Amino acid sequence: MGLLAGLAGIVALFAGSKSKQKVKEIKKDIKVSKKKVKKLKSDNKAIKETQKNHKKAMNDIKKEKQKKVTHDVSADEAASFLKRYTKKKK
C-alpha cells in the first residue's frame, strides 16, 4: 500500500509540472492578447477622431457653399451675354 501511494505521488509530481507549464503558457497568451486589445482600442480611438474631423470639415464646406455670394448683374450685362449665347448656338 505504501509503495502504491509513493508511486502515485511521483506521478502526481510529473503531471503537476506539465500543468504548471500549461498555466504559464496560458498566462503568456493572455498578456499578449491584452496588449493586442489595448493597441486595437487606441487605433479605434484614433480612427474615430479622424472621422470626427472629416465630418467637421464637411460641415464647414457645406456652410461655405451656403454663404456663397452671387454677383450682381446689370440688365445690360445680361442682355449682352444672351446675345453672345444665341450667336454661339447658331
PDB file of N, CA and C in Angstrom:
ATOM      1  N   MET A   1       0.816  -1.191   0.000  1.00  0.00           N
ATOM      2  CA  MET A   1       0.000   0.000   0.000  1.00  0.00           C
ATOM      3  C   MET A   1       0.865   1.262   0.000  1.00  0.00           C
ATOM      4  N   GLY A   2       1.877   1.260   0.804  1.00  0.00           N
ATOM      5  CA  GLY A   2       2.751   2.433   0.888  1.00  0.00           C
ATOM      6  C   GLY A   2       3.491   2.656  -0.407  1.00  0.00           C
ATOM      7  N   LEU A   3       3.888   1.520  -1.036  1.00  0.00           N
ATOM      8  CA  LEU A   3       4.593   1.619  -2.308  1.00  0.00           C
ATOM      9  C   LEU A   3       3.692   2.202  -3.389  1.00  0.00           C
ATOM     10  N   LEU A   4       2.460   1.771  -3.369  1.00  0.00           N
ATOM     11  CA  LEU A   4       1.482   2.274  -4.337  1.00  0.00           C
ATOM     12  C   LEU A   4       1.224   3.764  -4.119  1.00  0.00           C
ATOM     13  N   ALA A   5       1.157   4.212  -2.902  1.00  0.00           N
ATOM     14  CA  ALA A   5       0.950   5.624  -2.585  1.00  0.00           C
ATOM     15  C   ALA A   5       2.154   6.454  -3.017  1.00  0.00           C
ATOM     16  N   GLY A   6       3.366   5.893  -2.844  1.00  0.00           N
ATOM     17  CA  GLY A   6       4.583   6.594  -3.263  1.00  0.00           C
ATOM     18  C   GLY A   6       4.625   6.777  -4.765  1.00  0.00           C
ATOM     19  N   LEU A   7       4.258   5.729  -5.515  1.00  0.00           N
ATOM     20  CA  LEU A   7       4.212   5.829  -6.981  1.00  0.00           C
ATOM     21  C   LEU A   7       3.183   6.859  -7.437  1.00  0.00           C
ATOM     22  N   ALA A   8       2.065   6.883  -6.782  1.00  0.00           N
ATOM     23  CA  ALA A   8       1.018   7.851  -7.135  1.00  0.00           C
ATOM     24  C   ALA A   8       1.510   9.278  -6.879  1.00  0.00           C
ATOM     25  N   GLY A   9       2.273   9.484  -5.823  1.00  0.00           N
ATOM     26  CA  GLY A   9       2.820  10.804  -5.511  1.00  0.00           C
ATOM     27  C   GLY A   9       3.822  11.255  -6.563  1.00  0.00           C
ATOM     28  N   ILE A  10       4.685  10.318  -7.023  1.00  0.00           N
ATOM     29  CA  ILE A  10       5.673  10.653  -8.055  1.00  0.00           C
ATOM     30  C   ILE A  10       4.976  11.000  -9.369  1.00  0.00           C
ATOM     31  N   VAL A  11       3.971  10.228  -9.733  1.00  0.00           N
ATOM     32  CA  VAL A  11       3.205  10.504 -10.960  1.00  0.00           C
ATOM     33  C   VAL A  11       2.515  11.860 -10.854  1.00  0.00           C
ATOM     34  N   ALA A  12       2.024  12.175  -9.676  1.00  0.00           N
ATOM     35  CA  ALA A  12       1.349  13.459  -9.471  1.00  0.00           C
ATOM     36  C   ALA A  12       2.323  14.621  -9.638  1.00  0.00           C
ATOM     37  N   LEU A  13       3.577  14.440  -9.224  1.00  0.00           N
ATOM     38  CA  LEU A  13       4.586  15.496  -9.388  1.00  0.00           C
ATOM     39  C   LEU A  13       4.856  15.783 -10.870  1.00  0.00           C
ATOM     40  N   PHE A  14       5.002  14.703 -11.637  1.00  0.00           N
ATOM     41  CA  PHE A  14       5.244  14.893 -13.076  1.00  0.00           C
ATOM     42  C   PHE A  14       4.045  15.522 -13.777  1.00  0.00           C
ATOM     43  N   ALA A  15       2.862  15.061 -13.410  1.00  0.00           N
ATOM     44  CA  ALA A  15       1.641  15.610 -14.012  1.00  0.00           C
ATOM     45  C   ALA A  15       1.463  17.060 -13.595  1.00  0.00           C
ATOM     46  N   GLY A  16       1.853  17.396 -12.369  1.00  0.00           N
ATOM     47  CA  GLY A  16       1.719  18.770 -11.878  1.00  0.00           C
ATOM     48  C   GLY A  16       2.636  19.723 -12.605  1.00  0.00           C
ATOM     49  N   SER A  17       3.831  19.283 -12.952  1.00  0.00           N
ATOM     50  CA  SER A  17       4.763  20.178 -13.650  1.00  0.00           C
ATOM     51  C   SER A  17       4.268  20.501 -15.055  1.00  0.00           C
ATOM     52  N   LYS A  18       3.630  19.537 -15.689  1.00  0.00           N
ATOM     53  CA  LYS A  18       3.072  19.793 -17.027  1.00  0.00           C
ATOM     54  C   LYS A  18       1.938  20.811 -16.953  1.00  0.00           C
ATOM     55  N   SER A  19       1.120  20.684 -15.929  1.00  0.00           N
ATOM     56  CA  SER A  19       0.009  21.626 -15.799  1.00  0.00           C
ATOM     57  C   SER A  19       0.526  23.027 -15.484  1.00  0.00           C
ATOM     58  N   LYS A  20       1.643  23.103 -14.728  1.00  0.00           N
ATOM     59  CA  LYS A  20       2.237  24.414 -14.444  1.00  0.00           C
ATOM     60  C   LYS A  20       2.726  25.063 -15.733  1.00  0.00           C
ATOM     61  N   GLN A  21       3.307  24.255 -16.615  1.00  0.00           N
ATOM     62  CA  GLN A  21       3.768  24.792 -17.900  1.00  0.00           C
ATOM     63  C   GLN A  21       2.587  25.286 -18.728  1.00  0.00           C
ATOM     64  N   LYS A  22       1.512  24.537 -18.722  1.00  0.00           N
ATOM     65  CA  LYS A  22       0.318  24.940 -19.459  1.00  0.00           C
ATOM     66  C   LYS A  22      -0.243  26.251 -18.903  1.00  0.00           C
ATOM     67  N   VAL A  23      -0.231  26.363 -17.579  1.00  0.00           N
ATOM     68  CA  VAL A  23      -0.727  27.580 -16.936  1.00  0.00           C
ATOM     69  C   VAL A  23       0.138  28.770 -17.340  1.00  0.00           C
ATOM     70  N   LYS A  24       1.472  28.559 -17.364  1.00  0.00           N
ATOM     71  CA  LYS A  24       2.379  29.642 -17.765  1.00  0.00           C
ATOM     72  C   LYS A  24       2.124  30.059 -19.210  1.00  0.00           C
ATOM     73  N   GLU A  25       1.901  29.076 -20.092  1.00  0.00           N
ATOM     74  CA  GLU A  25       1.623  29.385 -21.496  1.00  0.00           C
ATOM     75  C   GLU A  25       0.317  30.163 -21.633  1.00  0.00           C
ATOM     76  N   ILE A  26      -0.675  29.740 -20.886  1.00  0.00           N
ATOM     77  CA  ILE A  26      -1.973  30.423 -20.940  1.00  0.00           C
ATOM     78  C   ILE A  26      -1.833  31.863 -20.437  1.00  0.00           C
ATOM     79  N   LYS A  27      -1.093  32.055 -19.343  1.00  0.00           N
ATOM     80  CA  LYS A  27      -0.891  33.411 -18.822  1.00  0.00           C
ATOM     81  C   LYS A  27      -0.147  34.275 -19.831  1.00  0.00           C
ATOM     82  N   LYS A  28       0.824  33.685 -20.497  1.00  0.00           N
ATOM     83  CA  LYS A  28       1.581  34.411 -21.523  1.00  0.00           C
ATOM     84  C   LYS A  28       0.659  34.814 -22.675  1.00  0.00           C
ATOM     85  N   ASP A  29      -0.202  33.885 -23.104  1.00  0.00           N
ATOM     86  CA  ASP A  29      -1.153  34.184 -24.180  1.00  0.00           C
ATOM     87  C   ASP A  29      -2.124  35.291 -23.770  1.00  0.00           C
ATOM     88  N   ILE A  30      -2.524  35.276 -22.511  1.00  0.00           N
ATOM     89  CA  ILE A  30      -3.439  36.310 -22.005  1.00  0.00           C
ATOM     90  C   ILE A  30      -2.760  37.672 -22.055  1.00  0.00           C
ATOM     91  N   LYS A  31      -1.497  37.748 -21.659  1.00  0.00           N
ATOM     92  CA  LYS A  31      -0.763  39.027 -21.701  1.00  0.00           C
ATOM     93  C   LYS A  31      -0.667  39.543 -23.129  1.00  0.00           C
ATOM     94  N   VAL A  32      -0.345  38.646 -24.065  1.00  0.00           N
ATOM     95  CA  VAL A  32      -0.232  39.037 -25.473  1.00  0.00           C
ATOM     96  C   VAL A  32      -1.582  39.538 -25.984  1.00  0.00           C
ATOM     97  N   SER A  33      -2.646  38.833 -25.627  1.00  0.00           N
ATOM     98  CA  SER A  33      -3.988  39.232 -26.054  1.00  0.00           C
ATOM     99  C   SER A  33      -4.367  40.600 -25.488  1.00  0.00           C
ATOM    100  N   LYS A  34      -4.034  40.834 -24.225  1.00  0.00           N
ATOM    101  CA  LYS A  34      -4.340  42.126 -23.606  1.00  0.00           C
ATOM    102  C   LYS A  34      -3.607  43.262 -24.315  1.00  0.00           C
ATOM    103  N   LYS A  35      -2.343  43.018 -24.702  1.00  0.00           N
ATOM    104  CA  LYS A  35      -1.586  44.036 -25.431  1.00  0.00           C
ATOM    105  C   LYS A  35      -2.231  44.326 -26.778  1.00  0.00           C
ATOM    106  N   LYS A  36      -2.685  43.272 -27.469  1.00  0.00           N
ATOM    107  CA  LYS A  36      -3.336  43.454 -28.768  1.00  0.00           C
ATOM    108  C   LYS A  36      -4.632  44.255 -28.615  1.00  0.00           C
ATOM    109  N   VAL A  37      -5.399  43.925 -27.600  1.00  0.00           N
ATOM    110  CA  VAL A  37      -6.667  44.628 -27.359  1.00  0.00           C
ATOM    111  C   VAL A  37      -6.402  46.099 -27.062  1.00  0.00           C
ATOM    112  N   LYS A  38      -5.396  46.362 -26.257  1.00  0.00           N
ATOM    113  CA  LYS A  38      -5.056  47.745 -25.910  1.00  0.00           C
ATOM    114  C   LYS A  38      -4.660  48.529 -27.159  1.00  0.00           C
ATOM    115  N   LYS A  39      -3.872  47.896 -28.029  1.00  0.00           N
ATOM    116  CA  LYS A  39      -3.448  48.546 -29.266  1.00  0.00           C
ATOM    117  C   LYS A  39      -4.645  48.809 -30.175  1.00  0.00           C
ATOM    118  N   LEU A  40      -5.529  47.835 -30.299  1.00  0.00           N
ATOM    119  CA  LEU A  40      -6.711  47.997 -31.146  1.00  0.00           C
ATOM    120  C   LEU A  40      -7.620  49.104 -30.615  1.00  0.00           C
ATOM    121  N   LYS A  41      -7.754  49.208 -29.304  1.00  0.00           N
ATOM    122  CA  LYS A  41      -8.578  50.271 -28.727  1.00  0.00           C
ATOM    123  C   LYS A  41      -8.005  51.644 -29.051  1.00  0.00           C
ATOM    124  N   SER A  42      -6.679  51.771 -28.962  1.00  0.00           N
ATOM    125  CA  SER A  42      -6.068  53.062 -29.280  1.00  0.00           C
ATOM    126  C   SER A  42      -6.210  53.374 -30.769  1.00  0.00           C
ATOM    127  N   ASP A  43      -6.095  52.346 -31.621  1.00  0.00           N
ATOM    128  CA  ASP A  43      -6.288  52.548 -33.054  1.00  0.00           C
ATOM    129  C   ASP A  43      -7.719  52.976 -33.358  1.00  0.00           C
ATOM    130  N   ASN A  44      -8.681  52.336 -32.708  1.00  0.00           N
ATOM    131  CA  ASN A  44     -10.086  52.696 -32.906  1.00  0.00           C
ATOM    132  C   ASN A  44     -10.349  54.128 -32.459  1.00  0.00           C
ATOM    133  N   LYS A  45      -9.727  54.520 -31.376  1.00  0.00           N
ATOM    134  CA  LYS A  45      -9.907  55.880 -30.867  1.00  0.00           C
ATOM    135  C   LYS A  45      -9.372  56.890 -31.887  1.00  0.00           C
ATOM    136  N   ALA A  46      -8.224  56.582 -32.481  1.00  0.00           N
ATOM    137  CA  ALA A  46      -7.642  57.470 -33.486  1.00  0.00           C
ATOM    138  C   ALA A  46      -8.525  57.539 -34.721  1.00  0.00           C
ATOM    139  N   ILE A  47      -9.090  56.419 -35.123  1.00  0.00           N
ATOM    140  CA  ILE A  47      -9.972  56.387 -36.296  1.00  0.00           C
ATOM    141  C   ILE A  47     -11.227  57.208 -36.031  1.00  0.00           C
ATOM    142  N   LYS A  48     -11.798  57.071 -34.851  1.00  0.00           N
ATOM    143  CA  LYS A  48     -12.994  57.845 -34.510  1.00  0.00           C
ATOM    144  C   LYS A  48     -12.692  59.339 -34.515  1.00  0.00           C
ATOM    145  N   GLU A  49     -11.529  59.706 -34.024  1.00  0.00           N
ATOM    146  CA  GLU A  49     -11.130  61.118 -34.010  1.00  0.00           C
ATOM    147  C   GLU A  49     -10.992  61.643 -35.439  1.00  0.00           C
ATOM    148  N   THR A  50     -10.412  60.835 -36.310  1.00  0.00           N
ATOM    149  CA  THR A  50     -10.256  61.219 -37.711  1.00  0.00           C
ATOM    150  C   THR A  50     -11.619  61.389 -38.372  1.00  0.00           C
ATOM    151  N   GLN A  51     -12.533  60.471 -38.114  1.00  0.00           N
ATOM    152  CA  GLN A  51     -13.877  60.574 -38.678  1.00  0.00           C
ATOM    153  C   GLN A  51     -14.575  61.836 -38.186  1.00  0.00           C
ATOM    154  N   LYS A  52     -14.384  62.161 -36.930  1.00  0.00           N
ATOM    155  CA  LYS A  52     -14.990  63.363 -36.369  1.00  0.00           C
ATOM    156  C   LYS A  52     -14.451  64.610 -37.075  1.00  0.00           C
ATOM    157  N   ASN A  53     -13.132  64.622 -37.337  1.00  0.00           N
ATOM    158  CA  ASN A  53     -12.522  65.761 -38.032  1.00  0.00           C
ATOM    159  C   ASN A  53     -13.039  65.879 -39.464  1.00  0.00           C
ATOM    160  N   HIS A  54     -13.216  64.740 -40.141  1.00  0.00           N
ATOM    161  CA  HIS A  54     -13.734  64.768 -41.505  1.00  0.00           C
ATOM    162  C   HIS A  54     -15.165  65.306 -41.535  1.00  0.00           C
ATOM    163  N   LYS A  55     -15.988  64.868 -40.586  1.00  0.00           N
ATOM    164  CA  LYS A  55     -17.366  65.353 -40.529  1.00  0.00           C
ATOM    165  C   LYS A  55     -17.399  66.858 -40.295  1.00  0.00           C
ATOM    166  N   LYS A  56     -16.523  67.325 -39.411  1.00  0.00           N
ATOM    167  CA  LYS A  56     -16.464  68.751 -39.125  1.00  0.00           C
ATOM    168  C   LYS A  56     -16.054  69.523 -40.373  1.00  0.00           C
ATOM    169  N   ALA A  57     -15.077  69.009 -41.112  1.00  0.00           N
ATOM    170  CA  ALA A  57     -14.624  69.661 -42.340  1.00  0.00           C
ATOM    171  C   ALA A  57     -15.740  69.693 -43.379  1.00  0.00           C
ATOM    172  N   MET A  58     -16.483  68.602 -43.502  1.00  0.00           N
ATOM    173  CA  MET A  58     -17.593  68.548 -44.466  1.00  0.00           C
ATOM    174  C   MET A  58     -18.675  69.564 -44.095  1.00  0.00           C
ATOM    175  N   ASN A  59     -18.971  69.682 -42.822  1.00  0.00           N
ATOM    176  CA  ASN A  59     -19.967  70.660 -42.393  1.00  0.00           C
ATOM    177  C   ASN A  59     -19.501  72.082 -42.693  1.00  0.00           C
ATOM    178  N   ASP A  60     -18.211  72.354 -42.494  1.00  0.00           N
ATOM    179  CA  ASP A  60     -17.671  73.675 -42.809  1.00  0.00           C
ATOM    180  C   ASP A  60     -17.795  73.975 -44.297  1.00  0.00           C
ATOM    181  N   ILE A  61     -17.504  72.972 -45.124  1.00  0.00           N
ATOM    182  CA  ILE A  61     -17.610  73.162 -46.579  1.00  0.00           C
ATOM    183  C   ILE A  61     -19.052  73.435 -46.973  1.00  0.00           C
ATOM    184  N   LYS A  62     -19.985  72.711 -46.382  1.00  0.00           N
ATOM    185  CA  LYS A  62     -21.405  72.926 -46.685  1.00  0.00           C
ATOM    186  C   LYS A  62     -21.832  74.339 -46.296  1.00  0.00           C
ATOM    187  N   LYS A  63     -21.364  74.799 -45.133  1.00  0.00           N
ATOM    188  CA  LYS A  63     -21.716  76.150 -44.691  1.00  0.00           C
ATOM    189  C   LYS A  63     -21.151  77.200 -45.643  1.00  0.00           C
ATOM    190  N   GLU A  64     -19.926  76.978 -46.122  1.00  0.00           N
ATOM    191  CA  GLU A  64     -19.316  77.923 -47.058  1.00  0.00           C
ATOM    192  C   GLU A  64     -20.085  77.977 -48.366  1.00  0.00           C
ATOM    193  N   LYS A  65     -20.572  76.828 -48.819  1.00  0.00           N
ATOM    194  CA  LYS A  65     -21.352  76.796 -50.063  1.00  0.00           C
ATOM    195  C   LYS A  65     -22.641  77.594 -49.894  1.00  0.00           C
ATOM    196  N   GLN A  66     -23.248  77.501 -48.719  1.00  0.00           N
ATOM    197  CA  GLN A  66     -24.494  78.219 -48.479  1.00  0.00           C
ATOM    198  C   GLN A  66     -24.261  79.719 -48.397  1.00  0.00           C
ATOM    199  N   LYS A  67     -23.106  80.125 -47.932  1.00  0.00           N
ATOM    200  CA  LYS A  67     -22.809  81.546 -47.782  1.00  0.00           C
ATOM    201  C   LYS A  67     -22.300  82.178 -49.072  1.00  0.00           C
ATOM    202  N   LYS A  68     -22.131  81.396 -50.115  1.00  0.00           N
ATOM    203  CA  LYS A  68     -21.558  81.891 -51.359  1.00  0.00           C
ATOM    204  C   LYS A  68     -22.401  83.054 -51.897  1.00  0.00           C
ATOM    205  N   VAL A  69     -21.716  84.138 -52.230  1.00  0.00           N
ATOM    206  CA  VAL A  69     -22.394  85.352 -52.687  1.00  0.00           C
ATOM    207  C   VAL A  69     -22.498  85.327 -54.206  1.00  0.00           C
ATOM    208  N   THR A  70     -23.691  85.635 -54.706  1.00  0.00           N
ATOM    209  CA  THR A  70     -23.859  85.714 -56.155  1.00  0.00           C
ATOM    210  C   THR A  70     -23.500  87.120 -56.605  1.00  0.00           C
ATOM    211  N   HIS A  71     -23.038  87.221 -57.831  1.00  0.00           N
ATOM    212  CA  HIS A  71     -22.645  88.512 -58.368  1.00  0.00           C
ATOM    213  C   HIS A  71     -23.874  89.293 -58.822  1.00  0.00           C
ATOM    214  N   ASP A  72     -23.837  90.586 -58.580  1.00  0.00           N
ATOM    215  CA  ASP A  72     -24.911  91.444 -59.068  1.00  0.00           C
ATOM    216  C   ASP A  72     -24.666  91.703 -60.553  1.00  0.00           C
ATOM    217  N   VAL A  73     -25.646  91.361 -61.352  1.00  0.00           N
ATOM    218  CA  VAL A  73     -25.512  91.514 -62.796  1.00  0.00           C
ATOM    219  C   VAL A  73     -26.518  92.560 -63.252  1.00  0.00           C
ATOM    220  N   SER A  74     -26.016  93.500 -64.025  1.00  0.00           N
ATOM    221  CA  SER A  74     -26.929  94.530 -64.527  1.00  0.00           C
ATOM    222  C   SER A  74     -27.680  93.992 -65.746  1.00  0.00           C
ATOM    223  N   ALA A  75     -28.700  94.712 -66.127  1.00  0.00           N
ATOM    224  CA  ALA A  75     -29.525  94.295 -67.261  1.00  0.00           C
ATOM    225  C   ALA A  75     -28.719  94.332 -68.560  1.00  0.00           C
ATOM    226  N   ASP A  76     -27.835  95.305 -68.694  1.00  0.00           N
ATOM    227  CA  ASP A  76     -27.033  95.396 -69.906  1.00  0.00           C
ATOM    228  C   ASP A  76     -26.098  94.191 -70.041  1.00  0.00           C
ATOM    229  N   GLU A  77     -25.481  93.807 -68.954  1.00  0.00           N
ATOM    230  CA  GLU A  77     -24.587  92.650 -68.992  1.00  0.00           C
ATOM    231  C   GLU A  77     -25.359  91.379 -69.337  1.00  0.00           C
ATOM    232  N   ALA A  78     -26.531  91.221 -68.766  1.00  0.00           N
ATOM    233  CA  ALA A  78     -27.349  90.052 -69.057  1.00  0.00           C
ATOM    234  C   ALA A  78     -27.756  90.036 -70.524  1.00  0.00           C
ATOM    235  N   ALA A  79     -28.120  91.181 -71.058  1.00  0.00           N
ATOM    236  CA  ALA A  79     -28.531  91.247 -72.459  1.00  0.00           C
ATOM    237  C   ALA A  79     -27.356  90.907 -73.378  1.00  0.00           C
ATOM    238  N   SER A  80     -26.184  91.440 -73.081  1.00  0.00           N
ATOM    239  CA  SER A  80     -25.033  91.145 -73.931  1.00  0.00           C
ATOM    240  C   SER A  80     -24.659  89.655 -73.845  1.00  0.00           C
ATOM    241  N   PHE A  81     -24.788  89.086 -72.684  1.00  0.00           N
ATOM    242  CA  PHE A  81     -24.499  87.656 -72.542  1.00  0.00           C
ATOM    243  C   PHE A  81     -25.463  86.834 -73.377  1.00  0.00           C
ATOM    244  N   LEU A  82     -26.735  87.181 -73.314  1.00  0.00           N
ATOM    245  CA  LEU A  82     -27.736  86.430 -74.076  1.00  0.00           C
ATOM    246  C   LEU A  82     -27.495  86.559 -75.576  1.00  0.00           C
ATOM    247  N   LYS A  83     -27.072  87.759 -76.034  1.00  0.00           N
ATOM    248  CA  LYS A  83     -26.784  87.944 -77.457  1.00  0.00           C
ATOM    249  C   LYS A  83     -25.621  87.044 -77.872  1.00  0.00           C
ATOM    250  N   ARG A  84     -24.574  87.013 -77.063  1.00  0.00           N
ATOM    251  CA  ARG A  84     -23.428  86.160 -77.392  1.00  0.00           C
ATOM    252  C   ARG A  84     -23.815  84.673 -77.350  1.00  0.00           C
ATOM    253  N   TYR A  85     -24.635  84.319 -76.409  1.00  0.00           N
ATOM    254  CA  TYR A  85     -25.051  82.919 -76.267  1.00  0.00           C
ATOM    255  C   TYR A  85     -25.851  82.470 -77.476  1.00  0.00           C
ATOM    256  N   THR A  86     -26.773  83.318 -77.943  1.00  0.00           N
ATOM    257  CA  THR A  86     -27.590  82.953 -79.109  1.00  0.00           C
ATOM    258  C   THR A  86     -26.742  82.892 -80.365  1.00  0.00           C
ATOM    259  N   LYS A  87     -25.712  83.747 -80.467  1.00  0.00           N
ATOM    260  CA  LYS A  87     -24.838  83.702 -81.646  1.00  0.00           C
ATOM    261  C   LYS A  87     -24.049  82.391 -81.660  1.00  0.00           C
ATOM    262  N   LYS A  88     -23.608  81.913 -80.503  1.00  0.00           N
ATOM    263  CA  LYS A  88     -22.852  80.663 -80.427  1.00  0.00           C
ATOM    264  C   LYS A  88     -23.737  79.486 -80.825  1.00  0.00           C
ATOM    265  N   LYS A  89     -24.996  79.503 -80.473  1.00  0.00           N
ATOM    266  CA  LYS A  89     -25.902  78.391 -80.770  1.00  0.00           C
ATOM    267  C   LYS A  89     -26.158  78.271 -82.270  1.00  0.00           C
ATOM    268  N   LYS A  90     -26.143  79.388 -82.997  1.00  0.00           N
ATOM    269  CA  LYS A  90     -26.453  79.349 -84.437  1.00  0.00           C
ATOM    270  C   LYS A  90     -25.358  78.746 -85.168  1.00  0.00           C
TER     271      LYS A  90
END
